[in-house]
Amino acid sequence: MVVGGFGGDLRYVNGAFLQTLGYSQAEVSAGKVRWDELTPPEYSEADARAVEQLRATGRCDVYEKVLRRKGWTTSAYPGWSSGHQPIRR
């Protein structure tokens, strides 16, 4: 499970997710890991669409999320969405 802000920051990341991607909680806490920087550039358009939907309605369509593992390959995580109320900034 991951909780992040619209600006790319990570507010909560569980241990299983950290282990899968090869990062530590200390790196997340220090702001060295950001969800927008984990996304390969060729997939950033899908993230932008999801953020736009979240801001407008508090939820987004389910889509395939691709993230870079620390130091090497990419991993696909299907089915990311949110049912939370929109956060206004």
Foldseek 3Di string as FASTA:
>chain_A
DWDADLVFQTDDDDPVRCVVQVHDPVCNVVRVHGLCVQAPPVCVVVVVQQSVCCQVAVKGDWDWGWGHRPPDDIDIDTGDMGNGHHDDD
